[in-house]
Amino acid sequence: MAEDAIVEFPYAAALVSLSRLEGKPAIYTHMKNAVTQLQKWVFTDVPAYQTLLPNVLFAEFHGEAVFV
């Protein structure tokens, strides 16, 4: 993962959660903590879109999980 990676959760505000994570450390910390609270992960529709810039792409996914 790039040091300047960005992850956006467009519906997170409805859950009173962070909607944007910037930088590898922030993304790692959030994901590390999130996996301990979720079970039965299912990801679907995972397209990746290349750009004209080297080493830059956009990825999108839809996911479901159960909060414990």
Protein backbone atom coordinates (compact mmCIF):
# COMPACT_ATOMS: atom_id res chain seq x y z
CA MET A 1 0.00 0.00 0.00
CA ALA A 2 1.26 3.47 -0.83
CA GLU A 3 2.23 5.76 2.04
CA ASP A 4 -0.23 8.38 0.74
CA ALA A 5 -3.14 5.96 0.18
CA ILE A 6 -6.68 7.17 0.85
CA VAL A 7 -9.67 5.02 1.82
CA GLU A 8 -13.16 6.49 1.73
CA PHE A 9 -16.29 5.02 3.30
CA PRO A 10 -19.14 6.97 1.69
CA TYR A 11 -21.83 5.70 4.07
CA ALA A 12 -19.82 5.78 7.30
CA ALA A 13 -21.24 9.12 8.43
CA ALA A 14 -24.62 7.42 8.84
CA LEU A 15 -22.94 5.09 11.35
CA VAL A 16 -21.14 7.95 13.12
CA SER A 17 -17.81 6.66 11.93
CA LEU A 18 -14.81 8.01 10.03
CA SER A 19 -15.63 8.49 6.38
CA ARG A 20 -12.07 9.09 5.13
CA LEU A 21 -8.71 7.66 6.13
CA GLU A 22 -5.51 9.23 4.84
CA GLY A 23 -2.09 7.60 4.93
CA LYS A 24 -0.87 4.08 5.50
CA PRO A 25 -0.66 4.32 9.33
CA ALA A 26 -4.26 5.59 9.68
CA ILE A 27 -5.61 2.93 7.34
CA TYR A 28 -3.68 0.15 9.08
CA THR A 29 -4.81 1.18 12.56
CA HIS A 30 -8.45 1.48 11.54
CA MET A 31 -8.52 -1.87 9.72
CA LYS A 32 -6.65 -3.66 12.52
CA ASN A 33 -9.27 -2.52 15.03
CA ALA A 34 -12.23 -3.10 12.69
CA VAL A 35 -11.46 -6.77 12.04
CA THR A 36 -11.75 -7.55 15.75
CA GLN A 37 -15.35 -6.25 15.75
CA LEU A 38 -16.59 -7.93 12.57
CA GLN A 39 -17.27 -11.52 11.50
CA LYS A 40 -18.54 -13.26 8.37
CA TRP A 41 -17.01 -10.83 5.88
CA VAL A 42 -18.33 -11.04 2.31
CA PHE A 43 -16.96 -8.85 -0.49
CA THR A 44 -18.58 -8.61 -3.92
CA ASP A 45 -18.18 -6.48 -7.02
CA VAL A 46 -14.48 -5.67 -6.70
CA PRO A 47 -13.44 -3.75 -9.81
CA ALA A 48 -10.14 -1.88 -10.05
CA TYR A 49 -9.69 1.07 -12.38
CA GLN A 50 -6.31 2.03 -13.77
CA THR A 51 -5.40 5.67 -14.36
CA LEU A 52 -2.96 7.30 -16.72
CA LEU A 53 -0.66 7.95 -13.76
CA PRO A 54 1.87 5.24 -12.92
CA ASN A 55 1.26 3.42 -9.64
CA VAL A 56 -2.20 4.97 -9.23
CA LEU A 57 -5.47 3.06 -9.35
CA PHE A 58 -8.94 3.26 -7.93
CA ALA A 59 -10.60 0.21 -6.42
CA GLU A 60 -14.17 -0.19 -5.28
CA PHE A 61 -15.88 -2.94 -3.36
CA HIS A 62 -19.14 -3.77 -1.71
CA GLY A 63 -18.98 -5.64 1.54
CA GLU A 64 -21.05 -7.05 4.34
CA ALA A 65 -20.11 -8.19 7.82
CA VAL A 66 -21.68 -8.90 11.17
CA PHE A 67 -20.78 -6.64 14.12
CA VAL A 68 -20.01 -8.57 17.31
